[in-house]
Amino acid sequence: MITREDLVKYVVNVQARTYEAFERLRDEHLGWRPAPGEYTVAELALHIVASRRMNLEAILSGQPRYPGHEPPPGLTADRLRALCLRTGKKTVAVLTTADLERTIGNLAGDPFPAWKRVLGGLVEHEVHHRSQLCSYLAALGVEPPPLFGLRVEELPR
């Protein structure tokens, strides 16, 4: 099994790549949405941040509670970047091995070990929405960050 330290390092690296997308956000992007009914850029970014908080709370308390993603008045891209940083490393650094092994509740299904929430809730979910955010950036004419420093177009064929 992966050690707590390696898991924390892995999640921190995933979150650092998400921050690279947040770095490209500008205030004028925040209200844009790709289609009616879809999240705005701000809502999507806040959803990523809120999900980090929800998953940490679920691990620590045993019950998930989604805090929402409604943009507050006057939200700026700088404020989103600060939220992304603030909910980054500390999201998992506070977890102990006992926290990760505890069985916790699930919004959709049977309870499961908390370490699965880290992989599914903190990693897979975040990567999904980071990809969405990168698609939003591309649609806005902003070059999204590469994954691991290399773009798919740069791979040898």
C-alpha atoms as a PDB file:
ATOM      1  CA  MET A   1       0.000   0.000   0.000  1.00  0.00           C
ATOM      2  CA  ILE A   2       1.110   3.556  -0.632  1.00  0.00           C
ATOM      3  CA  THR A   3       2.453   5.365   2.408  1.00  0.00           C
ATOM      4  CA  ARG A   4       0.688   8.396   3.822  1.00  0.00           C
ATOM      5  CA  GLU A   5       3.681  10.556   2.894  1.00  0.00           C
ATOM      6  CA  ASP A   6       3.687   9.359  -0.728  1.00  0.00           C
ATOM      7  CA  LEU A   7      -0.078   9.850  -0.987  1.00  0.00           C
ATOM      8  CA  VAL A   8       0.216  13.410   0.326  1.00  0.00           C
ATOM      9  CA  LYS A   9       3.031  14.140  -2.139  1.00  0.00           C
ATOM     10  CA  TYR A  10       0.972  12.706  -5.011  1.00  0.00           C
ATOM     11  CA  VAL A  11      -2.125  14.771  -4.163  1.00  0.00           C
ATOM     12  CA  VAL A  12      -0.016  17.916  -3.707  1.00  0.00           C
ATOM     13  CA  ASN A  13       1.434  17.396  -7.196  1.00  0.00           C
ATOM     14  CA  VAL A  14      -2.037  16.915  -8.691  1.00  0.00           C
ATOM     15  CA  GLN A  15      -3.203  20.111  -6.991  1.00  0.00           C
ATOM     16  CA  ALA A  16      -0.122  22.010  -8.207  1.00  0.00           C
ATOM     17  CA  ARG A  17      -1.063  21.155 -11.797  1.00  0.00           C
ATOM     18  CA  THR A  18      -4.582  22.443 -11.103  1.00  0.00           C
ATOM     19  CA  TYR A  19      -3.075  25.695  -9.802  1.00  0.00           C
ATOM     20  CA  GLU A  20      -1.303  26.108 -13.167  1.00  0.00           C
ATOM     21  CA  ALA A  21      -4.745  26.345 -14.794  1.00  0.00           C
ATOM     22  CA  PHE A  22      -5.930  28.799 -12.113  1.00  0.00           C
ATOM     23  CA  GLU A  23      -2.857  30.955 -12.864  1.00  0.00           C
ATOM     24  CA  ARG A  24      -4.161  31.560 -16.386  1.00  0.00           C
ATOM     25  CA  LEU A  25      -7.544  32.882 -15.212  1.00  0.00           C
ATOM     26  CA  ARG A  26      -8.301  36.579 -15.615  1.00  0.00           C
ATOM     27  CA  ASP A  27     -11.158  38.568 -14.119  1.00  0.00           C
ATOM     28  CA  GLU A  28     -12.844  38.900 -17.516  1.00  0.00           C
ATOM     29  CA  HIS A  29     -13.025  35.073 -17.824  1.00  0.00           C
ATOM     30  CA  LEU A  30     -14.956  34.437 -14.613  1.00  0.00           C
ATOM     31  CA  GLY A  31     -18.502  34.949 -15.927  1.00  0.00           C
ATOM     32  CA  TRP A  32     -17.996  32.985 -19.156  1.00  0.00           C
ATOM     33  CA  ARG A  33     -19.787  29.665 -19.627  1.00  0.00           C
ATOM     34  CA  PRO A  34     -19.560  27.334 -22.652  1.00  0.00           C
ATOM     35  CA  ALA A  35     -23.335  26.912 -22.972  1.00  0.00           C
ATOM     36  CA  PRO A  36     -26.538  27.778 -21.126  1.00  0.00           C
ATOM     37  CA  GLY A  37     -26.856  25.736 -17.961  1.00  0.00           C
ATOM     38  CA  GLU A  38     -23.138  24.943 -17.753  1.00  0.00           C
ATOM     39  CA  TYR A  39     -20.928  26.219 -14.926  1.00  0.00           C
ATOM     40  CA  THR A  40     -19.257  29.577 -15.424  1.00  0.00           C
ATOM     41  CA  VAL A  41     -15.469  29.662 -15.108  1.00  0.00           C
ATOM     42  CA  ALA A  42     -15.869  31.008 -11.560  1.00  0.00           C
ATOM     43  CA  GLU A  43     -18.409  28.340 -10.589  1.00  0.00           C
ATOM     44  CA  LEU A  44     -16.180  25.577 -11.942  1.00  0.00           C
ATOM     45  CA  ALA A  45     -13.118  26.930 -10.124  1.00  0.00           C
ATOM     46  CA  LEU A  46     -15.103  27.296  -6.897  1.00  0.00           C
ATOM     47  CA  HIS A  47     -16.464  23.766  -7.337  1.00  0.00           C
ATOM     48  CA  ILE A  48     -12.896  22.435  -7.405  1.00  0.00           C
ATOM     49  CA  VAL A  49     -12.087  24.345  -4.209  1.00  0.00           C
ATOM     50  CA  ALA A  50     -15.369  23.346  -2.517  1.00  0.00           C
ATOM     51  CA  SER A  51     -14.826  19.684  -3.402  1.00  0.00           C
ATOM     52  CA  ARG A  52     -11.427  19.733  -1.729  1.00  0.00           C
ATOM     53  CA  ARG A  53     -13.063  21.055   1.429  1.00  0.00           C
ATOM     54  CA  MET A  54     -15.927  18.558   1.214  1.00  0.00           C
ATOM     55  CA  ASN A  55     -13.634  15.585   0.783  1.00  0.00           C
ATOM     56  CA  LEU A  56     -11.372  16.612   3.649  1.00  0.00           C
ATOM     57  CA  GLU A  57     -14.400  17.104   5.903  1.00  0.00           C
ATOM     58  CA  ALA A  58     -15.753  13.707   4.828  1.00  0.00           C
ATOM     59  CA  ILE A  59     -12.500  12.038   5.802  1.00  0.00           C
ATOM     60  CA  LEU A  60     -12.191  13.851   9.127  1.00  0.00           C
ATOM     61  CA  SER A  61     -15.848  13.742  10.210  1.00  0.00           C
ATOM     62  CA  GLY A  62     -17.049  10.664   8.331  1.00  0.00           C
ATOM     63  CA  GLN A  63     -19.800  12.563   6.495  1.00  0.00           C
ATOM     64  CA  PRO A  64     -19.501  14.527   3.228  1.00  0.00           C
ATOM     65  CA  ARG A  65     -21.145  17.966   3.044  1.00  0.00           C
ATOM     66  CA  TYR A  66     -20.907  20.003  -0.134  1.00  0.00           C
ATOM     67  CA  PRO A  67     -20.509  23.721   0.710  1.00  0.00           C
ATOM     68  CA  GLY A  68     -21.599  24.985  -2.722  1.00  0.00           C
ATOM     69  CA  HIS A  69     -19.924  26.925  -5.492  1.00  0.00           C
ATOM     70  CA  GLU A  70     -21.859  30.202  -5.723  1.00  0.00           C
ATOM     71  CA  PRO A  71     -19.431  33.030  -6.568  1.00  0.00           C
ATOM     72  CA  PRO A  72     -19.464  35.785  -3.945  1.00  0.00           C
ATOM     73  CA  PRO A  73     -19.905  39.374  -5.123  1.00  0.00           C
ATOM     74  CA  GLY A  74     -16.659  40.929  -6.308  1.00  0.00           C
ATOM     75  CA  LEU A  75     -14.859  37.617  -6.835  1.00  0.00           C
ATOM     76  CA  THR A  76     -11.572  38.082  -8.686  1.00  0.00           C
ATOM     77  CA  ALA A  77      -9.147  35.727 -10.395  1.00  0.00           C
ATOM     78  CA  ASP A  78      -6.577  36.608  -7.718  1.00  0.00           C
ATOM     79  CA  ARG A  79      -9.027  35.527  -5.005  1.00  0.00           C
ATOM     80  CA  LEU A  80      -9.647  32.224  -6.822  1.00  0.00           C
ATOM     81  CA  ARG A  81      -5.903  31.593  -7.000  1.00  0.00           C
ATOM     82  CA  ALA A  82      -5.607  32.294  -3.258  1.00  0.00           C
ATOM     83  CA  LEU A  83      -8.446  29.843  -2.524  1.00  0.00           C
ATOM     84  CA  CYS A  84      -6.811  27.222  -4.717  1.00  0.00           C
ATOM     85  CA  LEU A  85      -3.546  27.599  -2.809  1.00  0.00           C
ATOM     86  CA  ARG A  86      -5.200  27.659   0.596  1.00  0.00           C
ATOM     87  CA  THR A  87      -7.103  24.421  -0.059  1.00  0.00           C
ATOM     88  CA  GLY A  88      -4.071  22.733  -1.613  1.00  0.00           C
ATOM     89  CA  LYS A  89      -1.447  20.940   0.451  1.00  0.00           C
ATOM     90  CA  LYS A  90      -3.252  21.367   3.746  1.00  0.00           C
ATOM     91  CA  THR A  91      -6.139  19.400   2.291  1.00  0.00           C
ATOM     92  CA  VAL A  92      -4.255  16.161   2.808  1.00  0.00           C
ATOM     93  CA  ALA A  93      -1.246  17.094   4.930  1.00  0.00           C
ATOM     94  CA  VAL A  94      -3.389  17.043   8.086  1.00  0.00           C
ATOM     95  CA  LEU A  95      -4.498  13.456   7.514  1.00  0.00           C
ATOM     96  CA  THR A  96      -3.051  10.655   9.610  1.00  0.00           C
ATOM     97  CA  THR A  97      -2.738   7.013   8.663  1.00  0.00           C
ATOM     98  CA  ALA A  98      -5.659   6.304  11.010  1.00  0.00           C
ATOM     99  CA  ASP A  99      -7.764   8.936   9.185  1.00  0.00           C
ATOM    100  CA  LEU A 100      -7.040   7.257   5.860  1.00  0.00           C
ATOM    101  CA  GLU A 101      -7.943   3.803   7.133  1.00  0.00           C
ATOM    102  CA  ARG A 102     -11.240   4.870   8.768  1.00  0.00           C
ATOM    103  CA  THR A 103     -14.514   3.898   7.050  1.00  0.00           C
ATOM    104  CA  ILE A 104     -16.520   6.949   6.003  1.00  0.00           C
ATOM    105  CA  GLY A 105     -19.932   7.764   4.525  1.00  0.00           C
ATOM    106  CA  ASN A 106     -20.600   8.097   0.832  1.00  0.00           C
ATOM    107  CA  LEU A 107     -23.061  10.427  -0.921  1.00  0.00           C
ATOM    108  CA  ALA A 108     -23.960   7.694  -3.402  1.00  0.00           C
ATOM    109  CA  GLY A 109     -23.586   4.186  -2.071  1.00  0.00           C
ATOM    110  CA  ASP A 110     -21.997   2.148   0.659  1.00  0.00           C
ATOM    111  CA  PRO A 111     -19.380   3.514   3.072  1.00  0.00           C
ATOM    112  CA  PHE A 112     -15.728   2.874   2.160  1.00  0.00           C
ATOM    113  CA  PRO A 113     -12.174   3.459   3.438  1.00  0.00           C
ATOM    114  CA  ALA A 114     -11.169   7.128   3.534  1.00  0.00           C
ATOM    115  CA  TRP A 115      -8.092   6.594   1.364  1.00  0.00           C
ATOM    116  CA  LYS A 116     -10.491   5.818  -1.519  1.00  0.00           C
ATOM    117  CA  ARG A 117     -12.025   9.290  -1.024  1.00  0.00           C
ATOM    118  CA  VAL A 118      -8.538  10.744  -1.435  1.00  0.00           C
ATOM    119  CA  LEU A 119      -8.016   8.935  -4.733  1.00  0.00           C
ATOM    120  CA  GLY A 120     -11.561   9.354  -6.066  1.00  0.00           C
ATOM    121  CA  GLY A 121     -12.716  12.574  -4.473  1.00  0.00           C
ATOM    122  CA  LEU A 122      -9.514  14.538  -4.261  1.00  0.00           C
ATOM    123  CA  VAL A 123      -7.634  13.213  -7.279  1.00  0.00           C
ATOM    124  CA  GLU A 124      -9.932  11.769  -9.946  1.00  0.00           C
ATOM    125  CA  HIS A 125     -12.637  14.362  -9.379  1.00  0.00           C
ATOM    126  CA  GLU A 126     -10.153  17.239  -9.428  1.00  0.00           C
ATOM    127  CA  VAL A 127      -8.445  15.981 -12.584  1.00  0.00           C
ATOM    128  CA  HIS A 128     -11.843  15.738 -14.295  1.00  0.00           C
ATOM    129  CA  HIS A 129     -12.719  19.332 -13.472  1.00  0.00           C
ATOM    130  CA  ARG A 130      -9.202  20.607 -14.185  1.00  0.00           C
ATOM    131  CA  SER A 131      -9.607  19.159 -17.671  1.00  0.00           C
ATOM    132  CA  GLN A 132     -12.919  21.010 -17.963  1.00  0.00           C
ATOM    133  CA  LEU A 133     -11.238  24.226 -16.831  1.00  0.00           C
ATOM    134  CA  CYS A 134      -8.488  23.734 -19.408  1.00  0.00           C
ATOM    135  CA  SER A 135     -11.153  23.264 -22.110  1.00  0.00           C
ATOM    136  CA  TYR A 136     -12.772  26.501 -20.958  1.00  0.00           C
ATOM    137  CA  LEU A 137      -9.409  28.260 -21.193  1.00  0.00           C
ATOM    138  CA  ALA A 138      -8.856  26.948 -24.717  1.00  0.00           C
ATOM    139  CA  ALA A 139     -12.329  28.129 -25.772  1.00  0.00           C
ATOM    140  CA  LEU A 140     -11.459  31.552 -24.364  1.00  0.00           C
ATOM    141  CA  GLY A 141      -8.290  31.645 -26.469  1.00  0.00           C
ATOM    142  CA  VAL A 142      -5.980  31.045 -23.505  1.00  0.00           C
ATOM    143  CA  GLU A 143      -3.311  28.365 -23.830  1.00  0.00           C
ATOM    144  CA  PRO A 144      -4.017  25.778 -21.106  1.00  0.00           C
ATOM    145  CA  PRO A 145      -1.049  24.408 -19.177  1.00  0.00           C
ATOM    146  CA  PRO A 146       0.583  21.208 -20.392  1.00  0.00           C
ATOM    147  CA  LEU A 147       0.366  18.068 -18.304  1.00  0.00           C
ATOM    148  CA  PHE A 148       3.825  17.142 -16.985  1.00  0.00           C
ATOM    149  CA  GLY A 149       5.389  19.858 -19.172  1.00  0.00           C
ATOM    150  CA  LEU A 150       4.499  18.194 -22.480  1.00  0.00           C
ATOM    151  CA  ARG A 151       1.527  18.650 -24.777  1.00  0.00           C
ATOM    152  CA  VAL A 152      -0.050  15.719 -26.606  1.00  0.00           C
ATOM    153  CA  GLU A 153       0.895  17.340 -29.929  1.00  0.00           C
ATOM    154  CA  GLU A 154       4.559  17.162 -28.876  1.00  0.00           C
ATOM    155  CA  LEU A 155       4.561  13.388 -28.364  1.00  0.00           C
ATOM    156  CA  PRO A 156       6.472  11.344 -30.935  1.00  0.00           C
ATOM    157  CA  ARG A 157       4.257   9.665 -33.501  1.00  0.00           C
END
